[in-house]
Amino acid sequence: MFDPKKIDEIASRLADNMPPGIDTLRTDVEKNMRAILQGVLNSMDLVTREEFEVQKAVLAKTRLKLEALKQQLQTLEAQMTKE
């Protein structure tokens, strides 16, 4: 679901911003941050941008159909009241 390269990039950035005196811990911290980020992102039940865009298009199409059906219903109701 998530691009592992992005997670690695974020973990590297966080590790790069650590104080200079703890370079020996950098690898361990980066590895732990990567695991924590992966766990948090997986637990958030997020969708990809592609999935989001597909659902957005489906919703837009559904809204158009709903508006057309509302218009048809109003037309039919108007015809019934005239009779």
PDB file of N, CA and C in Angstrom:
ATOM      1  N   MET A   1       0.819  -1.187   0.000  1.00  0.00           N
ATOM      2  CA  MET A   1       0.000   0.000   0.000  1.00  0.00           C
ATOM      3  C   MET A   1       0.869   1.260   0.000  1.00  0.00           C
ATOM      4  N   PHE A   2       1.877   1.277   0.818  1.00  0.00           N
ATOM      5  CA  PHE A   2       2.743   2.447   0.886  1.00  0.00           C
ATOM      6  C   PHE A   2       4.061   2.143   0.212  1.00  0.00           C
ATOM      7  N   ASP A   3       4.611   3.140  -0.422  1.00  0.00           N
ATOM      8  CA  ASP A   3       5.881   3.005  -1.101  1.00  0.00           C
ATOM      9  C   ASP A   3       6.991   2.882  -0.059  1.00  0.00           C
ATOM     10  N   PRO A   4       7.659   1.735  -0.002  1.00  0.00           N
ATOM     11  CA  PRO A   4       8.722   1.558   0.988  1.00  0.00           C
ATOM     12  C   PRO A   4       9.837   2.594   0.838  1.00  0.00           C
ATOM     13  N   LYS A   5      10.066   3.077  -0.357  1.00  0.00           N
ATOM     14  CA  LYS A   5      11.100   4.088  -0.572  1.00  0.00           C
ATOM     15  C   LYS A   5      10.755   5.380   0.159  1.00  0.00           C
ATOM     16  N   LYS A   6       9.466   5.743   0.165  1.00  0.00           N
ATOM     17  CA  LYS A   6       9.040   6.946   0.881  1.00  0.00           C
ATOM     18  C   LYS A   6       9.256   6.793   2.381  1.00  0.00           C
ATOM     19  N   ILE A   7       8.931   5.621   2.903  1.00  0.00           N
ATOM     20  CA  ILE A   7       9.114   5.374   4.331  1.00  0.00           C
ATOM     21  C   ILE A   7      10.598   5.422   4.671  1.00  0.00           C
ATOM     22  N   ASP A   8      11.429   4.812   3.819  1.00  0.00           N
ATOM     23  CA  ASP A   8      12.881   4.867   4.033  1.00  0.00           C
ATOM     24  C   ASP A   8      13.381   6.312   4.008  1.00  0.00           C
ATOM     25  N   GLU A   9      12.836   7.101   3.085  1.00  0.00           N
ATOM     26  CA  GLU A   9      13.243   8.501   2.965  1.00  0.00           C
ATOM     27  C   GLU A   9      12.893   9.284   4.233  1.00  0.00           C
ATOM     28  N   ILE A  10      11.704   9.070   4.744  1.00  0.00           N
ATOM     29  CA  ILE A  10      11.279   9.762   5.966  1.00  0.00           C
ATOM     30  C   ILE A  10      12.149   9.338   7.146  1.00  0.00           C
ATOM     31  N   ALA A  11      12.387   8.028   7.262  1.00  0.00           N
ATOM     32  CA  ALA A  11      13.213   7.531   8.364  1.00  0.00           C
ATOM     33  C   ALA A  11      14.634   8.087   8.260  1.00  0.00           C
ATOM     34  N   SER A  12      15.163   8.160   7.052  1.00  0.00           N
ATOM     35  CA  SER A  12      16.513   8.712   6.859  1.00  0.00           C
ATOM     36  C   SER A  12      16.569  10.187   7.234  1.00  0.00           C
ATOM     37  N   ARG A  13      15.536  10.920   6.842  1.00  0.00           N
ATOM     38  CA  ARG A  13      15.499  12.347   7.189  1.00  0.00           C
ATOM     39  C   ARG A  13      15.477  12.550   8.692  1.00  0.00           C
ATOM     40  N   LEU A  14      14.663  11.739   9.365  1.00  0.00           N
ATOM     41  CA  LEU A  14      14.591  11.851  10.825  1.00  0.00           C
ATOM     42  C   LEU A  14      15.934  11.510  11.457  1.00  0.00           C
ATOM     43  N   ALA A  15      16.562  10.453  10.963  1.00  0.00           N
ATOM     44  CA  ALA A  15      17.855  10.048  11.513  1.00  0.00           C
ATOM     45  C   ALA A  15      18.924  11.087  11.207  1.00  0.00           C
ATOM     46  N   ASP A  16      18.861  11.712  10.033  1.00  0.00           N
ATOM     47  CA  ASP A  16      19.846  12.741   9.663  1.00  0.00           C
ATOM     48  C   ASP A  16      19.773  13.962  10.570  1.00  0.00           C
ATOM     49  N   ASN A  17      18.618  14.195  11.162  1.00  0.00           N
ATOM     50  CA  ASN A  17      18.439  15.367  12.018  1.00  0.00           C
ATOM     51  C   ASN A  17      18.799  15.113  13.480  1.00  0.00           C
ATOM     52  N   MET A  18      19.339  13.939  13.735  1.00  0.00           N
ATOM     53  CA  MET A  18      19.755  13.622  15.100  1.00  0.00           C
ATOM     54  C   MET A  18      21.031  14.394  15.435  1.00  0.00           C
ATOM     55  N   PRO A  19      21.240  14.686  16.707  1.00  0.00           N
ATOM     56  CA  PRO A  19      22.458  15.406  17.109  1.00  0.00           C
ATOM     57  C   PRO A  19      23.720  14.645  16.686  1.00  0.00           C
ATOM     58  N   PRO A  20      24.793  15.374  16.376  1.00  0.00           N
ATOM     59  CA  PRO A  20      26.016  14.755  15.865  1.00  0.00           C
ATOM     60  C   PRO A  20      26.681  13.750  16.811  1.00  0.00           C
ATOM     61  N   GLY A  21      26.524  13.893  18.080  1.00  0.00           N
ATOM     62  CA  GLY A  21      27.214  13.031  19.038  1.00  0.00           C
ATOM     63  C   GLY A  21      26.728  11.601  19.092  1.00  0.00           C
ATOM     64  N   ILE A  22      25.607  11.300  18.475  1.00  0.00           N
ATOM     65  CA  ILE A  22      25.059   9.942  18.592  1.00  0.00           C
ATOM     66  C   ILE A  22      25.014   9.223  17.240  1.00  0.00           C
ATOM     67  N   ASP A  23      26.048   9.444  16.435  1.00  0.00           N
ATOM     68  CA  ASP A  23      26.113   8.801  15.118  1.00  0.00           C
ATOM     69  C   ASP A  23      26.090   7.278  15.203  1.00  0.00           C
ATOM     70  N   THR A  24      26.618   6.738  16.272  1.00  0.00           N
ATOM     71  CA  THR A  24      26.655   5.276  16.397  1.00  0.00           C
ATOM     72  C   THR A  24      25.259   4.678  16.542  1.00  0.00           C
ATOM     73  N   LEU A  25      24.335   5.457  17.071  1.00  0.00           N
ATOM     74  CA  LEU A  25      22.961   4.965  17.237  1.00  0.00           C
ATOM     75  C   LEU A  25      22.100   5.211  16.000  1.00  0.00           C
ATOM     76  N   ARG A  26      22.619   5.971  15.057  1.00  0.00           N
ATOM     77  CA  ARG A  26      21.841   6.400  13.895  1.00  0.00           C
ATOM     78  C   ARG A  26      21.203   5.225  13.148  1.00  0.00           C
ATOM     79  N   THR A  27      21.968   4.177  12.903  1.00  0.00           N
ATOM     80  CA  THR A  27      21.451   3.029  12.154  1.00  0.00           C
ATOM     81  C   THR A  27      20.300   2.358  12.895  1.00  0.00           C
ATOM     82  N   ASP A  28      20.476   2.157  14.188  1.00  0.00           N
ATOM     83  CA  ASP A  28      19.418   1.531  14.982  1.00  0.00           C
ATOM     84  C   ASP A  28      18.171   2.404  15.034  1.00  0.00           C
ATOM     85  N   VAL A  29      18.382   3.697  15.238  1.00  0.00           N
ATOM     86  CA  VAL A  29      17.255   4.622  15.312  1.00  0.00           C
ATOM     87  C   VAL A  29      16.524   4.658  13.970  1.00  0.00           C
ATOM     88  N   GLU A  30      17.272   4.715  12.885  1.00  0.00           N
ATOM     89  CA  GLU A  30      16.658   4.753  11.549  1.00  0.00           C
ATOM     90  C   GLU A  30      15.843   3.484  11.295  1.00  0.00           C
ATOM     91  N   LYS A  31      16.392   2.341  11.681  1.00  0.00           N
ATOM     92  CA  LYS A  31      15.693   1.062  11.500  1.00  0.00           C
ATOM     93  C   LYS A  31      14.402   1.034  12.333  1.00  0.00           C
ATOM     94  N   ASN A  32      14.501   1.503  13.583  1.00  0.00           N
ATOM     95  CA  ASN A  32      13.317   1.527  14.458  1.00  0.00           C
ATOM     96  C   ASN A  32      12.261   2.508  13.947  1.00  0.00           C
ATOM     97  N   MET A  33      12.718   3.662  13.477  1.00  0.00           N
ATOM     98  CA  MET A  33      11.770   4.640  12.938  1.00  0.00           C
ATOM     99  C   MET A  33      11.042   4.084  11.717  1.00  0.00           C
ATOM    100  N   ARG A  34      11.781   3.393  10.882  1.00  0.00           N
ATOM    101  CA  ARG A  34      11.181   2.795   9.689  1.00  0.00           C
ATOM    102  C   ARG A  34      10.081   1.801  10.084  1.00  0.00           C
ATOM    103  N   ALA A  35      10.376   0.965  11.078  1.00  0.00           N
ATOM    104  CA  ALA A  35       9.405  -0.026  11.534  1.00  0.00           C
ATOM    105  C   ALA A  35       8.189   0.651  12.169  1.00  0.00           C
ATOM    106  N   ILE A  36       8.426   1.679  12.959  1.00  0.00           N
ATOM    107  CA  ILE A  36       7.317   2.399  13.600  1.00  0.00           C
ATOM    108  C   ILE A  36       6.442   3.081  12.553  1.00  0.00           C
ATOM    109  N   LEU A  37       7.076   3.765  11.594  1.00  0.00           N
ATOM    110  CA  LEU A  37       6.302   4.431  10.536  1.00  0.00           C
ATOM    111  C   LEU A  37       5.463   3.431   9.753  1.00  0.00           C
ATOM    112  N   GLN A  38       6.061   2.312   9.386  1.00  0.00           N
ATOM    113  CA  GLN A  38       5.339   1.282   8.629  1.00  0.00           C
ATOM    114  C   GLN A  38       4.141   0.784   9.433  1.00  0.00           C
ATOM    115  N   GLY A  39       4.360   0.526  10.722  1.00  0.00           N
ATOM    116  CA  GLY A  39       3.274   0.035  11.571  1.00  0.00           C
ATOM    117  C   GLY A  39       2.145   1.030  11.706  1.00  0.00           C
ATOM    118  N   VAL A  40       2.486   2.289  11.929  1.00  0.00           N
ATOM    119  CA  VAL A  40       1.467   3.330  12.087  1.00  0.00           C
ATOM    120  C   VAL A  40       0.679   3.513  10.791  1.00  0.00           C
ATOM    121  N   LEU A  41       1.377   3.584   9.673  1.00  0.00           N
ATOM    122  CA  LEU A  41       0.695   3.785   8.394  1.00  0.00           C
ATOM    123  C   LEU A  41      -0.201   2.603   8.045  1.00  0.00           C
ATOM    124  N   ASN A  42       0.248   1.388   8.340  1.00  0.00           N
ATOM    125  CA  ASN A  42      -0.580   0.211   8.064  1.00  0.00           C
ATOM    126  C   ASN A  42      -1.830   0.179   8.938  1.00  0.00           C
ATOM    127  N   SER A  43      -1.715   0.647  10.167  1.00  0.00           N
ATOM    128  CA  SER A  43      -2.862   0.615  11.074  1.00  0.00           C
ATOM    129  C   SER A  43      -3.884   1.713  10.776  1.00  0.00           C
ATOM    130  N   MET A  44      -3.506   2.687   9.959  1.00  0.00           N
ATOM    131  CA  MET A  44      -4.403   3.806   9.680  1.00  0.00           C
ATOM    132  C   MET A  44      -5.447   3.473   8.610  1.00  0.00           C
ATOM    133  N   ASP A  45      -5.322   2.354   7.940  1.00  0.00           N
ATOM    134  CA  ASP A  45      -6.290   1.915   6.940  1.00  0.00           C
ATOM    135  C   ASP A  45      -6.513   2.998   5.876  1.00  0.00           C
ATOM    136  N   LEU A  46      -5.434   3.494   5.313  1.00  0.00           N
ATOM    137  CA  LEU A  46      -5.486   4.538   4.294  1.00  0.00           C
ATOM    138  C   LEU A  46      -5.592   3.928   2.903  1.00  0.00           C
ATOM    139  N   VAL A  47      -6.026   4.729   1.948  1.00  0.00           N
ATOM    140  CA  VAL A  47      -6.093   4.278   0.562  1.00  0.00           C
ATOM    141  C   VAL A  47      -5.044   5.020  -0.249  1.00  0.00           C
ATOM    142  N   THR A  48      -4.701   4.440  -1.383  1.00  0.00           N
ATOM    143  CA  THR A  48      -3.728   5.096  -2.253  1.00  0.00           C
ATOM    144  C   THR A  48      -4.409   6.235  -3.003  1.00  0.00           C
ATOM    145  N   ARG A  49      -3.622   7.114  -3.582  1.00  0.00           N
ATOM    146  CA  ARG A  49      -4.149   8.229  -4.373  1.00  0.00           C
ATOM    147  C   ARG A  49      -4.965   7.691  -5.543  1.00  0.00           C
ATOM    148  N   GLU A  50      -4.468   6.616  -6.163  1.00  0.00           N
ATOM    149  CA  GLU A  50      -5.178   6.023  -7.302  1.00  0.00           C
ATOM    150  C   GLU A  50      -6.561   5.528  -6.893  1.00  0.00           C
ATOM    151  N   GLU A  51      -6.646   4.821  -5.759  1.00  0.00           N
ATOM    152  CA  GLU A  51      -7.939   4.343  -5.267  1.00  0.00           C
ATOM    153  C   GLU A  51      -8.866   5.515  -4.954  1.00  0.00           C
ATOM    154  N   PHE A  52      -8.309   6.557  -4.364  1.00  0.00           N
ATOM    155  CA  PHE A  52      -9.089   7.746  -4.040  1.00  0.00           C
ATOM    156  C   PHE A  52      -9.662   8.386  -5.302  1.00  0.00           C
ATOM    157  N   GLU A  53      -8.825   8.535  -6.324  1.00  0.00           N
ATOM    158  CA  GLU A  53      -9.273   9.165  -7.573  1.00  0.00           C
ATOM    159  C   GLU A  53     -10.353   8.339  -8.255  1.00  0.00           C
ATOM    160  N   VAL A  54     -10.233   7.019  -8.215  1.00  0.00           N
ATOM    161  CA  VAL A  54     -11.260   6.150  -8.807  1.00  0.00           C
ATOM    162  C   VAL A  54     -12.587   6.357  -8.084  1.00  0.00           C
ATOM    163  N   GLN A  55     -12.554   6.358  -6.755  1.00  0.00           N
ATOM    164  CA  GLN A  55     -13.786   6.543  -5.990  1.00  0.00           C
ATOM    165  C   GLN A  55     -14.369   7.940  -6.190  1.00  0.00           C
ATOM    166  N   LYS A  56     -13.521   8.922  -6.342  1.00  0.00           N
ATOM    167  CA  LYS A  56     -13.969  10.286  -6.599  1.00  0.00           C
ATOM    168  C   LYS A  56     -14.728  10.355  -7.928  1.00  0.00           C
ATOM    169  N   ALA A  57     -14.200   9.676  -8.951  1.00  0.00           N
ATOM    170  CA  ALA A  57     -14.863   9.645 -10.257  1.00  0.00           C
ATOM    171  C   ALA A  57     -16.203   8.914 -10.181  1.00  0.00           C
ATOM    172  N   VAL A  58     -16.232   7.812  -9.446  1.00  0.00           N
ATOM    173  CA  VAL A  58     -17.479   7.056  -9.280  1.00  0.00           C
ATOM    174  C   VAL A  58     -18.524   7.922  -8.583  1.00  0.00           C
ATOM    175  N   LEU A  59     -18.114   8.642  -7.560  1.00  0.00           N
ATOM    176  CA  LEU A  59     -19.032   9.512  -6.833  1.00  0.00           C
ATOM    177  C   LEU A  59     -19.566  10.624  -7.733  1.00  0.00           C
ATOM    178  N   ALA A  60     -18.707  11.227  -8.537  1.00  0.00           N
ATOM    179  CA  ALA A  60     -19.148  12.295  -9.441  1.00  0.00           C
ATOM    180  C   ALA A  60     -20.176  11.757 -10.438  1.00  0.00           C
ATOM    181  N   LYS A  61     -19.928  10.570 -10.975  1.00  0.00           N
ATOM    182  CA  LYS A  61     -20.867   9.956 -11.928  1.00  0.00           C
ATOM    183  C   LYS A  61     -22.201   9.651 -11.238  1.00  0.00           C
ATOM    184  N   THR A  62     -22.130   9.168 -10.008  1.00  0.00           N
ATOM    185  CA  THR A  62     -23.342   8.856  -9.249  1.00  0.00           C
ATOM    186  C   THR A  62     -24.152  10.114  -8.971  1.00  0.00           C
ATOM    187  N   ARG A  63     -23.465  11.197  -8.661  1.00  0.00           N
ATOM    188  CA  ARG A  63     -24.165  12.465  -8.409  1.00  0.00           C
ATOM    189  C   ARG A  63     -24.888  12.948  -9.664  1.00  0.00           C
ATOM    190  N   LEU A  64     -24.247  12.814 -10.809  1.00  0.00           N
ATOM    191  CA  LEU A  64     -24.889  13.206 -12.070  1.00  0.00           C
ATOM    192  C   LEU A  64     -26.143  12.379 -12.328  1.00  0.00           C
ATOM    193  N   LYS A  65     -26.038  11.067 -12.085  1.00  0.00           N
ATOM    194  CA  LYS A  65     -27.203  10.191 -12.266  1.00  0.00           C
ATOM    195  C   LYS A  65     -28.328  10.572 -11.302  1.00  0.00           C
ATOM    196  N   LEU A  66     -27.968  10.879 -10.066  1.00  0.00           N
ATOM    197  CA  LEU A  66     -28.960  11.254  -9.065  1.00  0.00           C
ATOM    198  C   LEU A  66     -29.677  12.537  -9.470  1.00  0.00           C
ATOM    199  N   GLU A  67     -28.930  13.511  -9.950  1.00  0.00           N
ATOM    200  CA  GLU A  67     -29.551  14.760 -10.398  1.00  0.00           C
ATOM    201  C   GLU A  67     -30.500  14.521 -11.570  1.00  0.00           C
ATOM    202  N   ALA A  68     -30.091  13.653 -12.500  1.00  0.00           N
ATOM    203  CA  ALA A  68     -30.955  13.336 -13.639  1.00  0.00           C
ATOM    204  C   ALA A  68     -32.232  12.645 -13.166  1.00  0.00           C
ATOM    205  N   LEU A  69     -32.102  11.736 -12.210  1.00  0.00           N
ATOM    206  CA  LEU A  69     -33.279  11.041 -11.683  1.00  0.00           C
ATOM    207  C   LEU A  69     -34.199  11.997 -10.923  1.00  0.00           C
ATOM    208  N   LYS A  70     -33.622  12.941 -10.192  1.00  0.00           N
ATOM    209  CA  LYS A  70     -34.440  13.946  -9.502  1.00  0.00           C
ATOM    210  C   LYS A  70     -35.238  14.764 -10.510  1.00  0.00           C
ATOM    211  N   GLN A  71     -34.584  15.135 -11.592  1.00  0.00           N
ATOM    212  CA  GLN A  71     -35.252  15.917 -12.632  1.00  0.00           C
ATOM    213  C   GLN A  71     -36.390  15.114 -13.265  1.00  0.00           C
ATOM    214  N   GLN A  72     -36.144  13.838 -13.530  1.00  0.00           N
ATOM    215  CA  GLN A  72     -37.187  12.977 -14.093  1.00  0.00           C
ATOM    216  C   GLN A  72     -38.366  12.863 -13.132  1.00  0.00           C
ATOM    217  N   LEU A  73     -38.069  12.705 -11.856  1.00  0.00           N
ATOM    218  CA  LEU A  73     -39.128  12.584 -10.849  1.00  0.00           C
ATOM    219  C   LEU A  73     -39.954  13.862 -10.781  1.00  0.00           C
ATOM    220  N   GLN A  74     -39.294  15.003 -10.819  1.00  0.00           N
ATOM    221  CA  GLN A  74     -40.030  16.268 -10.795  1.00  0.00           C
ATOM    222  C   GLN A  74     -40.927  16.410 -12.027  1.00  0.00           C
ATOM    223  N   THR A  75     -40.427  15.992 -13.174  1.00  0.00           N
ATOM    224  CA  THR A  75     -41.207  16.052 -14.404  1.00  0.00           C
ATOM    225  C   THR A  75     -42.427  15.153 -14.296  1.00  0.00           C
ATOM    226  N   LEU A  76     -42.240  13.935 -13.819  1.00  0.00           N
ATOM    227  CA  LEU A  76     -43.358  13.001 -13.666  1.00  0.00           C
ATOM    228  C   LEU A  76     -44.381  13.509 -12.655  1.00  0.00           C
ATOM    229  N   GLU A  77     -43.898  14.071 -11.548  1.00  0.00           N
ATOM    230  CA  GLU A  77     -44.800  14.617 -10.545  1.00  0.00           C
ATOM    231  C   GLU A  77     -45.608  15.782 -11.116  1.00  0.00           C
ATOM    232  N   ALA A  78     -44.949  16.608 -11.901  1.00  0.00           N
ATOM    233  CA  ALA A  78     -45.644  17.730 -12.522  1.00  0.00           C
ATOM    234  C   ALA A  78     -46.707  17.239 -13.488  1.00  0.00           C
ATOM    235  N   GLN A  79     -46.415  16.200 -14.244  1.00  0.00           N
ATOM    236  CA  GLN A  79     -47.382  15.630 -15.186  1.00  0.00           C
ATOM    237  C   GLN A  79     -48.577  15.033 -14.457  1.00  0.00           C
ATOM    238  N   MET A  80     -48.321  14.404 -13.302  1.00  0.00           N
ATOM    239  CA  MET A  80     -49.400  13.778 -12.532  1.00  0.00           C
ATOM    240  C   MET A  80     -50.332  14.839 -11.942  1.00  0.00           C
ATOM    241  N   THR A  81     -49.791  15.959 -11.537  1.00  0.00           N
ATOM    242  CA  THR A  81     -50.640  16.996 -10.942  1.00  0.00           C
ATOM    243  C   THR A  81     -51.480  17.692 -11.995  1.00  0.00           C
ATOM    244  N   LYS A  82     -51.043  17.688 -13.258  1.00  0.00           N
ATOM    245  CA  LYS A  82     -51.793  18.311 -14.343  1.00  0.00           C
ATOM    246  C   LYS A  82     -52.994  17.463 -14.750  1.00  0.00           C
ATOM    247  N   GLU A  83     -52.912  16.185 -14.529  1.00  0.00           N
ATOM    248  CA  GLU A  83     -53.988  15.265 -14.957  1.00  0.00           C
ATOM    249  C   GLU A  83     -55.138  15.291 -14.049  1.00  0.00           C
TER     250      GLU A  83
END
